[in-house]
Amino acid sequence: MKQQALIHSLTDKSPNSLRKKVNALIGQQLSTWNLARQNYEALATVESKEMNVWGFPMRIQFNPSRIISSGAKVDPQSIKQRPCFLCAHNRPAEQQGILIDNRYEVLVNPFPIFPRHLTIPSVQHIDQKIATHFEDMLLLAQHLPDYVLFYNGPQCGASAPDHLHFQAGNKGFLPIEAHWSRWRKLSEAIIKQPQFILLRHITYPHTLLAMESADISQLRLWFDRIYALLPHNANQPEPMINLLCSWKKGQWIIWLFPRDLHRPDCYFAKDKTKLLISPASVDLGGVFITPRKVDFNKITEQNMLTILEEVSIDCQQADNICNALQTMK
């Protein structure tokens, strides 16, 4: 069994404790693991371009290494037939991590989108479901203040829907996080209490809710209420949702993206309209990932808007959720 590089506890209140361990892990992995080093070096030269969608600056990144994720087969049969790449016994020998309370491991993602990109899988092979692990995400974000934590639902971009995991990327990269202080002014307060606020962004290109609070119990309460109101059918392991989470100035900000579809129509097209884009938290946060150069070259602002509209719940569904929440004040 591989030795863990470092250990950490979420009860550790020392500032910078996990930050220092993560920086050490990244340095160690990039010096000893050729695949990771090569992909991070390649990331420095990937092409990107800025786009404007309904007045919001967004970015397209041409990232060939992400074809593994964008093209992943996540149907139950395909999942059963492949070894889980997040289980410790299936990982590359070079991959080391930081053990968190004997429950999670912080790993360097060898196929990065961010200049600093982490994957945080459970040490147990359990399904990707956020309901009983939401507070874990908040605590991890608190211990990683330089990062945005994100969760992709099992039918919302997770390439390992059979293994619980979060990801984290350095702050300042995603437009929604980098510009939130300005974009927040374009939101309406659905719930406003002394210890909690729920916002609905009224002009973002797709349905976006945001929770802000320093009280983890309030965030848990209102997340459970939102979660219970999300569209859900018996064939889905959980309601479709993507989450981003940031710890800043003593409080959490959680961006919620309720979903209606896993992949847009253009993903399945057989003609020149095909775009191999499988939206997940990063895309919904403003950085579209295109693993094929042809898609990077031809995608337009209208394509991006159409994709966002197709995979998100519609305005009427969002209205119904917000109206129901307002009766729970």
C-alpha atoms as a PDB file:
ATOM      1  CA  MET A   1       0.000   0.000   0.000  1.00  0.00           C
ATOM      2  CA  LYS A   2       1.316   3.434  -0.932  1.00  0.00           C
ATOM      3  CA  GLN A   3       2.414   5.770   1.818  1.00  0.00           C
ATOM      4  CA  GLN A   4       0.526   9.024   2.110  1.00  0.00           C
ATOM      5  CA  ALA A   5       2.703  12.053   1.516  1.00  0.00           C
ATOM      6  CA  LEU A   6       1.056  14.076   4.305  1.00  0.00           C
ATOM      7  CA  ILE A   7      -1.920  14.056   6.658  1.00  0.00           C
ATOM      8  CA  HIS A   8      -4.306  16.802   7.751  1.00  0.00           C
ATOM      9  CA  SER A   9      -7.350  17.169   9.978  1.00  0.00           C
ATOM     10  CA  LEU A  10     -10.293  19.486   9.440  1.00  0.00           C
ATOM     11  CA  THR A  11     -10.148  20.170  13.181  1.00  0.00           C
ATOM     12  CA  ASP A  12      -6.767  21.854  12.655  1.00  0.00           C
ATOM     13  CA  LYS A  13      -7.402  25.584  13.085  1.00  0.00           C
ATOM     14  CA  SER A  14      -3.859  26.665  12.222  1.00  0.00           C
ATOM     15  CA  PRO A  15      -3.977  29.240   9.416  1.00  0.00           C
ATOM     16  CA  ASN A  16      -2.151  28.139   6.286  1.00  0.00           C
ATOM     17  CA  SER A  17      -1.730  24.562   7.560  1.00  0.00           C
ATOM     18  CA  LEU A  18      -3.343  22.764   4.621  1.00  0.00           C
ATOM     19  CA  ARG A  19      -2.173  25.451   2.194  1.00  0.00           C
ATOM     20  CA  LYS A  20       1.456  24.651   3.017  1.00  0.00           C
ATOM     21  CA  LYS A  21       0.855  20.926   2.672  1.00  0.00           C
ATOM     22  CA  VAL A  22      -0.871  21.363  -0.690  1.00  0.00           C
ATOM     23  CA  ASN A  23       1.942  23.560  -2.001  1.00  0.00           C
ATOM     24  CA  ALA A  24       4.436  20.909  -0.900  1.00  0.00           C
ATOM     25  CA  LEU A  25       2.374  18.176  -2.560  1.00  0.00           C
ATOM     26  CA  ILE A  26       2.154  20.062  -5.860  1.00  0.00           C
ATOM     27  CA  GLY A  27       5.904  20.653  -5.856  1.00  0.00           C
ATOM     28  CA  GLN A  28       6.624  17.016  -5.081  1.00  0.00           C
ATOM     29  CA  GLN A  29       4.228  15.663  -7.719  1.00  0.00           C
ATOM     30  CA  LEU A  30       5.458  17.923 -10.504  1.00  0.00           C
ATOM     31  CA  SER A  31       9.044  16.934  -9.770  1.00  0.00           C
ATOM     32  CA  THR A  32       8.466  13.163  -9.658  1.00  0.00           C
ATOM     33  CA  TRP A  33       5.427  12.412 -11.848  1.00  0.00           C
ATOM     34  CA  ASN A  34       6.151  12.864 -15.550  1.00  0.00           C
ATOM     35  CA  LEU A  35       2.519  12.776 -16.727  1.00  0.00           C
ATOM     36  CA  ALA A  36       1.465  15.511 -14.317  1.00  0.00           C
ATOM     37  CA  ARG A  37       4.510  17.660 -15.058  1.00  0.00           C
ATOM     38  CA  GLN A  38       4.022  17.402 -18.830  1.00  0.00           C
ATOM     39  CA  ASN A  39       0.327  18.280 -18.639  1.00  0.00           C
ATOM     40  CA  TYR A  40       0.913  21.280 -16.359  1.00  0.00           C
ATOM     41  CA  GLU A  41       3.668  22.495 -18.664  1.00  0.00           C
ATOM     42  CA  ALA A  42       1.305  22.072 -21.623  1.00  0.00           C
ATOM     43  CA  LEU A  43      -1.406  23.988 -19.760  1.00  0.00           C
ATOM     44  CA  ALA A  44       0.819  27.057 -19.765  1.00  0.00           C
ATOM     45  CA  THR A  45       0.606  27.143 -23.565  1.00  0.00           C
ATOM     46  CA  VAL A  46      -3.036  26.166 -24.165  1.00  0.00           C
ATOM     47  CA  GLU A  47      -5.038  28.495 -26.355  1.00  0.00           C
ATOM     48  CA  SER A  48      -7.892  30.460 -24.851  1.00  0.00           C
ATOM     49  CA  LYS A  49     -10.106  33.300 -25.995  1.00  0.00           C
ATOM     50  CA  GLU A  50     -12.557  35.644 -24.350  1.00  0.00           C
ATOM     51  CA  MET A  51     -16.227  35.680 -25.296  1.00  0.00           C
ATOM     52  CA  ASN A  52     -19.124  37.844 -24.182  1.00  0.00           C
ATOM     53  CA  VAL A  53     -22.417  36.156 -23.357  1.00  0.00           C
ATOM     54  CA  TRP A  54     -25.236  38.521 -22.436  1.00  0.00           C
ATOM     55  CA  GLY A  55     -22.683  41.018 -21.200  1.00  0.00           C
ATOM     56  CA  PHE A  56     -20.801  38.483 -19.070  1.00  0.00           C
ATOM     57  CA  PRO A  57     -17.136  37.833 -19.878  1.00  0.00           C
ATOM     58  CA  MET A  58     -16.557  34.130 -20.415  1.00  0.00           C
ATOM     59  CA  ARG A  59     -13.617  32.146 -21.707  1.00  0.00           C
ATOM     60  CA  ILE A  60     -13.039  29.244 -24.083  1.00  0.00           C
ATOM     61  CA  GLN A  61     -10.091  26.965 -23.343  1.00  0.00           C
ATOM     62  CA  PHE A  62      -8.721  24.535 -25.938  1.00  0.00           C
ATOM     63  CA  ASN A  63      -7.475  21.707 -23.730  1.00  0.00           C
ATOM     64  CA  PRO A  64      -6.861  18.396 -25.552  1.00  0.00           C
ATOM     65  CA  SER A  65      -6.045  16.494 -22.354  1.00  0.00           C
ATOM     66  CA  ARG A  66      -9.641  16.960 -21.188  1.00  0.00           C
ATOM     67  CA  ILE A  67     -10.986  14.667 -23.922  1.00  0.00           C
ATOM     68  CA  ILE A  68     -10.886  11.896 -21.300  1.00  0.00           C
ATOM     69  CA  SER A  69     -13.437  13.766 -19.202  1.00  0.00           C
ATOM     70  CA  SER A  70     -15.521  15.405 -21.940  1.00  0.00           C
ATOM     71  CA  GLY A  71     -15.840  12.157 -23.857  1.00  0.00           C
ATOM     72  CA  ALA A  72     -16.262   9.894 -20.835  1.00  0.00           C
ATOM     73  CA  LYS A  73     -18.901   7.189 -21.039  1.00  0.00           C
ATOM     74  CA  VAL A  74     -20.815   7.443 -17.787  1.00  0.00           C
ATOM     75  CA  ASP A  75     -23.687   5.056 -18.433  1.00  0.00           C
ATOM     76  CA  PRO A  76     -24.054   2.327 -15.769  1.00  0.00           C
ATOM     77  CA  GLN A  77     -22.721  -0.447 -18.017  1.00  0.00           C
ATOM     78  CA  SER A  78     -19.572   1.477 -18.983  1.00  0.00           C
ATOM     79  CA  ILE A  79     -18.936   2.424 -15.357  1.00  0.00           C
ATOM     80  CA  LYS A  80     -19.174  -1.214 -14.260  1.00  0.00           C
ATOM     81  CA  GLN A  81     -16.721  -2.341 -16.937  1.00  0.00           C
ATOM     82  CA  ARG A  82     -13.876   0.013 -16.054  1.00  0.00           C
ATOM     83  CA  PRO A  83     -11.674   0.143 -12.948  1.00  0.00           C
ATOM     84  CA  CYS A  84     -12.379   3.218 -10.823  1.00  0.00           C
ATOM     85  CA  PHE A  85      -9.501   5.624 -11.355  1.00  0.00           C
ATOM     86  CA  LEU A  86     -10.188   7.361  -8.020  1.00  0.00           C
ATOM     87  CA  CYS A  87      -9.701   4.240  -5.906  1.00  0.00           C
ATOM     88  CA  ALA A  88      -6.223   4.157  -4.378  1.00  0.00           C
ATOM     89  CA  HIS A  89      -5.341   0.692  -5.695  1.00  0.00           C
ATOM     90  CA  ASN A  90      -6.032   1.766  -9.291  1.00  0.00           C
ATOM     91  CA  ARG A  91      -4.041   5.014  -9.264  1.00  0.00           C
ATOM     92  CA  PRO A  92      -0.589   5.506 -10.809  1.00  0.00           C
ATOM     93  CA  ALA A  93       2.251   4.541  -8.489  1.00  0.00           C
ATOM     94  CA  GLU A  94       3.589   8.108  -8.698  1.00  0.00           C
ATOM     95  CA  GLN A  95       0.393   9.691  -7.388  1.00  0.00           C
ATOM     96  CA  GLN A  96       0.650  10.738  -3.750  1.00  0.00           C
ATOM     97  CA  GLY A  97      -1.844  12.642  -1.618  1.00  0.00           C
ATOM     98  CA  ILE A  98      -2.795  14.301   1.635  1.00  0.00           C
ATOM     99  CA  LEU A  99      -5.044  12.198   3.840  1.00  0.00           C
ATOM    100  CA  ILE A 100      -7.856  14.245   5.410  1.00  0.00           C
ATOM    101  CA  ASP A 101      -9.309  12.746   8.604  1.00  0.00           C
ATOM    102  CA  ASN A 102      -9.005   9.282   7.050  1.00  0.00           C
ATOM    103  CA  ARG A 103     -12.019  10.236   4.888  1.00  0.00           C
ATOM    104  CA  TYR A 104     -10.708  12.178   1.886  1.00  0.00           C
ATOM    105  CA  GLU A 105      -7.457  12.540  -0.004  1.00  0.00           C
ATOM    106  CA  VAL A 106      -6.176  15.687  -1.684  1.00  0.00           C
ATOM    107  CA  LEU A 107      -4.569  14.758  -5.006  1.00  0.00           C
ATOM    108  CA  VAL A 108      -2.982  16.728  -7.825  1.00  0.00           C
ATOM    109  CA  ASN A 109      -5.228  16.390 -10.884  1.00  0.00           C
ATOM    110  CA  PRO A 110      -2.937  15.154 -13.700  1.00  0.00           C
ATOM    111  CA  PHE A 111      -5.282  16.532 -16.393  1.00  0.00           C
ATOM    112  CA  PRO A 112      -5.581  20.155 -15.273  1.00  0.00           C
ATOM    113  CA  ILE A 113      -7.860  22.988 -16.286  1.00  0.00           C
ATOM    114  CA  PHE A 114      -6.567  25.362 -13.600  1.00  0.00           C
ATOM    115  CA  PRO A 115      -2.898  26.260 -13.024  1.00  0.00           C
ATOM    116  CA  ARG A 116      -3.426  24.565  -9.642  1.00  0.00           C
ATOM    117  CA  HIS A 117      -6.012  21.824  -9.932  1.00  0.00           C
ATOM    118  CA  LEU A 118      -6.837  19.323  -7.179  1.00  0.00           C
ATOM    119  CA  THR A 119      -9.096  16.292  -6.963  1.00  0.00           C
ATOM    120  CA  ILE A 120     -10.406  15.327  -3.522  1.00  0.00           C
ATOM    121  CA  PRO A 121     -11.896  11.808  -3.558  1.00  0.00           C
ATOM    122  CA  SER A 122     -13.401   9.920  -0.663  1.00  0.00           C
ATOM    123  CA  VAL A 123     -11.178   7.109   0.606  1.00  0.00           C
ATOM    124  CA  GLN A 124     -14.254   4.890   0.259  1.00  0.00           C
ATOM    125  CA  HIS A 125     -15.737   3.831  -3.058  1.00  0.00           C
ATOM    126  CA  ILE A 126     -19.193   5.332  -2.517  1.00  0.00           C
ATOM    127  CA  ASP A 127     -21.553   6.970  -4.986  1.00  0.00           C
ATOM    128  CA  GLN A 128     -21.257  10.594  -6.013  1.00  0.00           C
ATOM    129  CA  LYS A 129     -24.067  12.111  -3.925  1.00  0.00           C
ATOM    130  CA  ILE A 130     -23.865  15.515  -2.275  1.00  0.00           C
ATOM    131  CA  ALA A 131     -26.784  15.286   0.182  1.00  0.00           C
ATOM    132  CA  THR A 132     -24.845  13.787   3.098  1.00  0.00           C
ATOM    133  CA  HIS A 133     -21.501  15.382   2.222  1.00  0.00           C
ATOM    134  CA  PHE A 134     -22.393  19.040   1.683  1.00  0.00           C
ATOM    135  CA  GLU A 135     -20.784  20.172   4.943  1.00  0.00           C
ATOM    136  CA  ASP A 136     -17.580  18.345   3.987  1.00  0.00           C
ATOM    137  CA  MET A 137     -17.357  20.575   0.944  1.00  0.00           C
ATOM    138  CA  LEU A 138     -17.749  23.686   3.089  1.00  0.00           C
ATOM    139  CA  LEU A 139     -15.055  22.616   5.542  1.00  0.00           C
ATOM    140  CA  LEU A 140     -12.655  21.726   2.745  1.00  0.00           C
ATOM    141  CA  ALA A 141     -13.242  25.157   1.179  1.00  0.00           C
ATOM    142  CA  GLN A 142     -12.533  26.797   4.538  1.00  0.00           C
ATOM    143  CA  HIS A 143      -9.221  24.941   4.795  1.00  0.00           C
ATOM    144  CA  LEU A 144      -8.341  25.789   1.177  1.00  0.00           C
ATOM    145  CA  PRO A 145      -9.001  29.554   1.045  1.00  0.00           C
ATOM    146  CA  ASP A 146      -6.898  29.989  -2.105  1.00  0.00           C
ATOM    147  CA  TYR A 147      -9.177  27.618  -4.020  1.00  0.00           C
ATOM    148  CA  VAL A 148     -12.721  27.330  -5.303  1.00  0.00           C
ATOM    149  CA  LEU A 149     -14.178  23.919  -4.442  1.00  0.00           C
ATOM    150  CA  PHE A 150     -16.579  22.348  -6.895  1.00  0.00           C
ATOM    151  CA  TYR A 151     -18.938  19.415  -7.116  1.00  0.00           C
ATOM    152  CA  ASN A 152     -20.218  17.840 -10.320  1.00  0.00           C
ATOM    153  CA  GLY A 153     -23.298  15.692  -9.895  1.00  0.00           C
ATOM    154  CA  PRO A 154     -23.234  12.110 -11.240  1.00  0.00           C
ATOM    155  CA  GLN A 155     -25.166  13.239 -14.324  1.00  0.00           C
ATOM    156  CA  CYS A 156     -23.693  16.745 -14.423  1.00  0.00           C
ATOM    157  CA  GLY A 157     -20.114  16.306 -15.569  1.00  0.00           C
ATOM    158  CA  ALA A 158     -18.626  13.883 -13.041  1.00  0.00           C
ATOM    159  CA  SER A 159     -16.429  11.443 -14.962  1.00  0.00           C
ATOM    160  CA  ALA A 160     -16.449   9.128 -11.911  1.00  0.00           C
ATOM    161  CA  PRO A 161     -20.128   9.106 -10.885  1.00  0.00           C
ATOM    162  CA  ASP A 162     -19.533   5.961  -8.840  1.00  0.00           C
ATOM    163  CA  HIS A 163     -16.938   7.514  -6.495  1.00  0.00           C
ATOM    164  CA  LEU A 164     -17.612  10.520  -4.265  1.00  0.00           C
ATOM    165  CA  HIS A 165     -15.206  13.357  -4.973  1.00  0.00           C
ATOM    166  CA  PHE A 166     -14.790  17.109  -5.095  1.00  0.00           C
ATOM    167  CA  GLN A 167     -12.376  19.181  -7.128  1.00  0.00           C
ATOM    168  CA  ALA A 168     -10.631  22.470  -6.415  1.00  0.00           C
ATOM    169  CA  GLY A 169      -9.020  25.097  -8.608  1.00  0.00           C
ATOM    170  CA  ASN A 170      -7.108  28.252  -7.766  1.00  0.00           C
ATOM    171  CA  LYS A 171      -9.125  31.418  -7.260  1.00  0.00           C
ATOM    172  CA  GLY A 172      -9.120  34.158  -9.869  1.00  0.00           C
ATOM    173  CA  PHE A 173      -9.610  31.726 -12.757  1.00  0.00           C
ATOM    174  CA  LEU A 174     -13.392  31.329 -12.977  1.00  0.00           C
ATOM    175  CA  PRO A 175     -15.234  34.490 -14.076  1.00  0.00           C
ATOM    176  CA  ILE A 176     -18.122  33.895 -11.686  1.00  0.00           C
ATOM    177  CA  GLU A 177     -15.778  33.932  -8.695  1.00  0.00           C
ATOM    178  CA  ALA A 178     -13.406  36.602  -9.975  1.00  0.00           C
ATOM    179  CA  HIS A 179     -16.237  39.043 -10.829  1.00  0.00           C
ATOM    180  CA  TRP A 180     -18.737  38.115  -8.120  1.00  0.00           C
ATOM    181  CA  SER A 181     -18.522  41.390  -6.201  1.00  0.00           C
ATOM    182  CA  ARG A 182     -19.773  43.140  -9.357  1.00  0.00           C
ATOM    183  CA  TRP A 183     -22.148  40.447 -10.600  1.00  0.00           C
ATOM    184  CA  ARG A 184     -23.711  40.153  -7.155  1.00  0.00           C
ATOM    185  CA  LYS A 185     -25.245  43.594  -7.647  1.00  0.00           C
ATOM    186  CA  LEU A 186     -27.337  42.135 -10.471  1.00  0.00           C
ATOM    187  CA  SER A 187     -28.955  39.593  -8.144  1.00  0.00           C
ATOM    188  CA  GLU A 188     -32.187  39.722  -6.179  1.00  0.00           C
ATOM    189  CA  ALA A 189     -32.461  38.521  -2.590  1.00  0.00           C
ATOM    190  CA  ILE A 190     -34.848  35.581  -2.284  1.00  0.00           C
ATOM    191  CA  ILE A 191     -34.128  35.077   1.419  1.00  0.00           C
ATOM    192  CA  LYS A 192     -32.435  37.741   3.531  1.00  0.00           C
ATOM    193  CA  GLN A 193     -31.822  37.006   7.188  1.00  0.00           C
ATOM    194  CA  PRO A 194     -29.220  38.238   9.694  1.00  0.00           C
ATOM    195  CA  GLN A 195     -27.141  35.050   9.337  1.00  0.00           C
ATOM    196  CA  PHE A 196     -28.009  33.993   5.791  1.00  0.00           C
ATOM    197  CA  ILE A 197     -28.777  35.313   2.334  1.00  0.00           C
ATOM    198  CA  LEU A 198     -30.000  33.511  -0.773  1.00  0.00           C
ATOM    199  CA  LEU A 199     -29.608  35.336  -4.066  1.00  0.00           C
ATOM    200  CA  ARG A 200     -30.951  34.639  -7.528  1.00  0.00           C
ATOM    201  CA  HIS A 201     -28.969  36.115 -10.358  1.00  0.00           C
ATOM    202  CA  ILE A 202     -31.519  37.701 -12.657  1.00  0.00           C
ATOM    203  CA  THR A 203     -29.413  38.313 -15.776  1.00  0.00           C
ATOM    204  CA  TYR A 204     -26.886  35.451 -15.828  1.00  0.00           C
ATOM    205  CA  PRO A 205     -27.271  33.347 -19.000  1.00  0.00           C
ATOM    206  CA  HIS A 206     -28.715  30.416 -17.012  1.00  0.00           C
ATOM    207  CA  THR A 207     -30.351  29.731 -13.651  1.00  0.00           C
ATOM    208  CA  LEU A 208     -27.972  30.655 -10.851  1.00  0.00           C
ATOM    209  CA  LEU A 209     -28.589  30.728  -7.114  1.00  0.00           C
ATOM    210  CA  ALA A 210     -26.029  31.829  -4.532  1.00  0.00           C
ATOM    211  CA  MET A 211     -25.957  31.313  -0.772  1.00  0.00           C
ATOM    212  CA  GLU A 212     -23.828  33.445   1.547  1.00  0.00           C
ATOM    213  CA  SER A 213     -23.314  32.876   5.259  1.00  0.00           C
ATOM    214  CA  ALA A 214     -20.753  32.358   8.002  1.00  0.00           C
ATOM    215  CA  ASP A 215     -23.128  29.908   9.705  1.00  0.00           C
ATOM    216  CA  ILE A 216     -22.654  26.357   8.464  1.00  0.00           C
ATOM    217  CA  SER A 217     -25.923  25.194  10.032  1.00  0.00           C
ATOM    218  CA  GLN A 218     -27.897  27.818   8.088  1.00  0.00           C
ATOM    219  CA  LEU A 219     -26.204  26.805   4.851  1.00  0.00           C
ATOM    220  CA  ARG A 220     -27.003  23.167   5.578  1.00  0.00           C
ATOM    221  CA  LEU A 221     -30.650  24.005   6.341  1.00  0.00           C
ATOM    222  CA  TRP A 222     -31.234  26.038   3.194  1.00  0.00           C
ATOM    223  CA  PHE A 223     -29.273  23.720   0.949  1.00  0.00           C
ATOM    224  CA  ASP A 224     -31.452  20.827   2.099  1.00  0.00           C
ATOM    225  CA  ARG A 225     -34.548  22.883   1.322  1.00  0.00           C
ATOM    226  CA  ILE A 226     -33.321  23.791  -2.155  1.00  0.00           C
ATOM    227  CA  TYR A 227     -32.212  20.221  -2.813  1.00  0.00           C
ATOM    228  CA  ALA A 228     -35.666  18.884  -1.890  1.00  0.00           C
ATOM    229  CA  LEU A 229     -37.298  21.242  -4.403  1.00  0.00           C
ATOM    230  CA  LEU A 230     -35.077  20.388  -7.368  1.00  0.00           C
ATOM    231  CA  PRO A 231     -36.580  18.369 -10.232  1.00  0.00           C
ATOM    232  CA  HIS A 232     -35.863  14.680  -9.671  1.00  0.00           C
ATOM    233  CA  ASN A 233     -37.081  11.431 -11.183  1.00  0.00           C
ATOM    234  CA  ALA A 234     -36.699   7.860 -10.031  1.00  0.00           C
ATOM    235  CA  ASN A 235     -34.083   7.064 -12.690  1.00  0.00           C
ATOM    236  CA  GLN A 236     -31.670   9.685 -11.357  1.00  0.00           C
ATOM    237  CA  PRO A 237     -29.316   8.992  -8.437  1.00  0.00           C
ATOM    238  CA  GLU A 238     -29.907  12.535  -7.163  1.00  0.00           C
ATOM    239  CA  PRO A 239     -31.339  15.844  -8.428  1.00  0.00           C
ATOM    240  CA  MET A 240     -29.111  17.291 -11.134  1.00  0.00           C
ATOM    241  CA  ILE A 241     -26.886  20.045  -9.756  1.00  0.00           C
ATOM    242  CA  ASN A 242     -23.434  21.594  -9.948  1.00  0.00           C
ATOM    243  CA  LEU A 243     -21.909  23.523  -7.054  1.00  0.00           C
ATOM    244  CA  LEU A 244     -19.043  25.960  -6.599  1.00  0.00           C
ATOM    245  CA  CYS A 245     -17.899  26.984  -3.121  1.00  0.00           C
ATOM    246  CA  SER A 246     -15.532  29.672  -1.852  1.00  0.00           C
ATOM    247  CA  TRP A 247     -14.431  30.741   1.634  1.00  0.00           C
ATOM    248  CA  LYS A 248     -13.738  34.475   1.719  1.00  0.00           C
ATOM    249  CA  LYS A 249     -13.598  37.083   4.469  1.00  0.00           C
ATOM    250  CA  GLY A 250     -14.987  34.755   7.097  1.00  0.00           C
ATOM    251  CA  GLN A 251     -17.961  33.416   5.174  1.00  0.00           C
ATOM    252  CA  TRP A 252     -18.883  30.915   2.503  1.00  0.00           C
ATOM    253  CA  ILE A 253     -20.259  31.685  -0.926  1.00  0.00           C
ATOM    254  CA  ILE A 254     -21.930  28.738  -2.652  1.00  0.00           C
ATOM    255  CA  TRP A 255     -23.070  29.025  -6.244  1.00  0.00           C
ATOM    256  CA  LEU A 256     -25.761  26.523  -7.225  1.00  0.00           C
ATOM    257  CA  PHE A 257     -26.560  25.542 -10.810  1.00  0.00           C
ATOM    258  CA  PRO A 258     -29.724  23.411 -11.022  1.00  0.00           C
ATOM    259  CA  ARG A 259     -29.629  21.246 -14.145  1.00  0.00           C
ATOM    260  CA  ASP A 260     -32.140  19.816 -16.581  1.00  0.00           C
ATOM    261  CA  LEU A 261     -29.828  17.905 -18.949  1.00  0.00           C
ATOM    262  CA  HIS A 262     -26.448  16.202 -18.727  1.00  0.00           C
ATOM    263  CA  ARG A 263     -25.295  17.130 -22.228  1.00  0.00           C
ATOM    264  CA  PRO A 264     -26.637  19.565 -24.856  1.00  0.00           C
ATOM    265  CA  ASP A 265     -27.969  18.611 -28.279  1.00  0.00           C
ATOM    266  CA  CYS A 266     -24.769  19.715 -30.026  1.00  0.00           C
ATOM    267  CA  TYR A 267     -22.805  17.032 -28.158  1.00  0.00           C
ATOM    268  CA  PHE A 268     -24.731  14.310 -30.001  1.00  0.00           C
ATOM    269  CA  ALA A 269     -24.977  16.001 -33.422  1.00  0.00           C
ATOM    270  CA  LYS A 270     -23.686  13.999 -36.397  1.00  0.00           C
ATOM    271  CA  ASP A 271     -23.099  16.969 -38.694  1.00  0.00           C
ATOM    272  CA  LYS A 272     -21.075  20.182 -38.690  1.00  0.00           C
ATOM    273  CA  THR A 273     -23.092  21.547 -35.762  1.00  0.00           C
ATOM    274  CA  LYS A 274     -21.427  19.064 -33.400  1.00  0.00           C
ATOM    275  CA  LEU A 275     -19.599  20.548 -30.413  1.00  0.00           C
ATOM    276  CA  LEU A 276     -17.954  18.091 -28.015  1.00  0.00           C
ATOM    277  CA  ILE A 277     -18.793  20.088 -24.900  1.00  0.00           C
ATOM    278  CA  SER A 278     -20.052  18.344 -21.773  1.00  0.00           C
ATOM    279  CA  PRO A 279     -20.802  21.157 -19.304  1.00  0.00           C
ATOM    280  CA  ALA A 280     -19.807  20.830 -15.669  1.00  0.00           C
ATOM    281  CA  SER A 281     -19.141  23.305 -12.860  1.00  0.00           C
ATOM    282  CA  VAL A 282     -16.190  24.963 -14.589  1.00  0.00           C
ATOM    283  CA  ASP A 283     -18.180  25.631 -17.771  1.00  0.00           C
ATOM    284  CA  LEU A 284     -21.164  26.962 -15.819  1.00  0.00           C
ATOM    285  CA  GLY A 285     -18.764  29.172 -13.889  1.00  0.00           C
ATOM    286  CA  GLY A 286     -17.648  30.811 -17.131  1.00  0.00           C
ATOM    287  CA  VAL A 287     -14.819  28.740 -18.658  1.00  0.00           C
ATOM    288  CA  PHE A 288     -15.909  26.439 -21.484  1.00  0.00           C
ATOM    289  CA  ILE A 289     -13.564  23.512 -22.102  1.00  0.00           C
ATOM    290  CA  THR A 290     -13.113  22.345 -25.698  1.00  0.00           C
ATOM    291  CA  PRO A 291     -10.877  19.275 -26.127  1.00  0.00           C
ATOM    292  CA  ARG A 292     -11.089  19.530 -29.951  1.00  0.00           C
ATOM    293  CA  LYS A 293      -9.528  22.367 -31.930  1.00  0.00           C
ATOM    294  CA  VAL A 294     -12.378  22.386 -34.435  1.00  0.00           C
ATOM    295  CA  ASP A 295     -14.824  23.241 -31.636  1.00  0.00           C
ATOM    296  CA  PHE A 296     -12.526  25.897 -30.185  1.00  0.00           C
ATOM    297  CA  ASN A 297     -12.343  27.579 -33.595  1.00  0.00           C
ATOM    298  CA  LYS A 298     -16.038  27.580 -34.425  1.00  0.00           C
ATOM    299  CA  ILE A 299     -17.891  28.051 -31.132  1.00  0.00           C
ATOM    300  CA  THR A 300     -19.832  31.307 -30.916  1.00  0.00           C
ATOM    301  CA  GLU A 301     -21.463  33.328 -28.163  1.00  0.00           C
ATOM    302  CA  GLN A 302     -24.835  32.031 -29.364  1.00  0.00           C
ATOM    303  CA  ASN A 303     -23.597  28.441 -29.102  1.00  0.00           C
ATOM    304  CA  MET A 304     -22.555  29.086 -25.515  1.00  0.00           C
ATOM    305  CA  LEU A 305     -25.891  30.666 -24.635  1.00  0.00           C
ATOM    306  CA  THR A 306     -27.819  27.799 -26.230  1.00  0.00           C
ATOM    307  CA  ILE A 307     -25.765  25.205 -24.352  1.00  0.00           C
ATOM    308  CA  LEU A 308     -26.303  26.966 -21.025  1.00  0.00           C
ATOM    309  CA  GLU A 309     -30.039  27.284 -21.626  1.00  0.00           C
ATOM    310  CA  GLU A 310     -30.423  23.649 -22.672  1.00  0.00           C
ATOM    311  CA  VAL A 311     -28.669  22.077 -19.699  1.00  0.00           C
ATOM    312  CA  SER A 312     -30.161  24.368 -17.018  1.00  0.00           C
ATOM    313  CA  ILE A 313     -33.645  24.393 -15.538  1.00  0.00           C
ATOM    314  CA  ASP A 314     -35.879  27.002 -17.138  1.00  0.00           C
ATOM    315  CA  CYS A 315     -37.112  30.260 -15.641  1.00  0.00           C
ATOM    316  CA  GLN A 316     -40.500  28.840 -14.665  1.00  0.00           C
ATOM    317  CA  GLN A 317     -38.886  26.010 -12.723  1.00  0.00           C
ATOM    318  CA  ALA A 318     -36.566  28.502 -11.027  1.00  0.00           C
ATOM    319  CA  ASP A 319     -39.548  30.728 -10.176  1.00  0.00           C
ATOM    320  CA  ASN A 320     -41.355  27.788  -8.594  1.00  0.00           C
ATOM    321  CA  ILE A 321     -38.335  26.898  -6.453  1.00  0.00           C
ATOM    322  CA  CYS A 322     -37.799  30.471  -5.289  1.00  0.00           C
ATOM    323  CA  ASN A 323     -41.490  31.000  -4.532  1.00  0.00           C
ATOM    324  CA  ALA A 324     -41.561  27.826  -2.448  1.00  0.00           C
ATOM    325  CA  LEU A 325     -38.440  28.871  -0.543  1.00  0.00           C
ATOM    326  CA  GLN A 326     -39.960  32.237   0.320  1.00  0.00           C
ATOM    327  CA  THR A 327     -42.795  30.480   2.140  1.00  0.00           C
ATOM    328  CA  MET A 328     -40.201  28.860   4.450  1.00  0.00           C
ATOM    329  CA  LYS A 329     -38.735  32.060   5.906  1.00  0.00           C
END
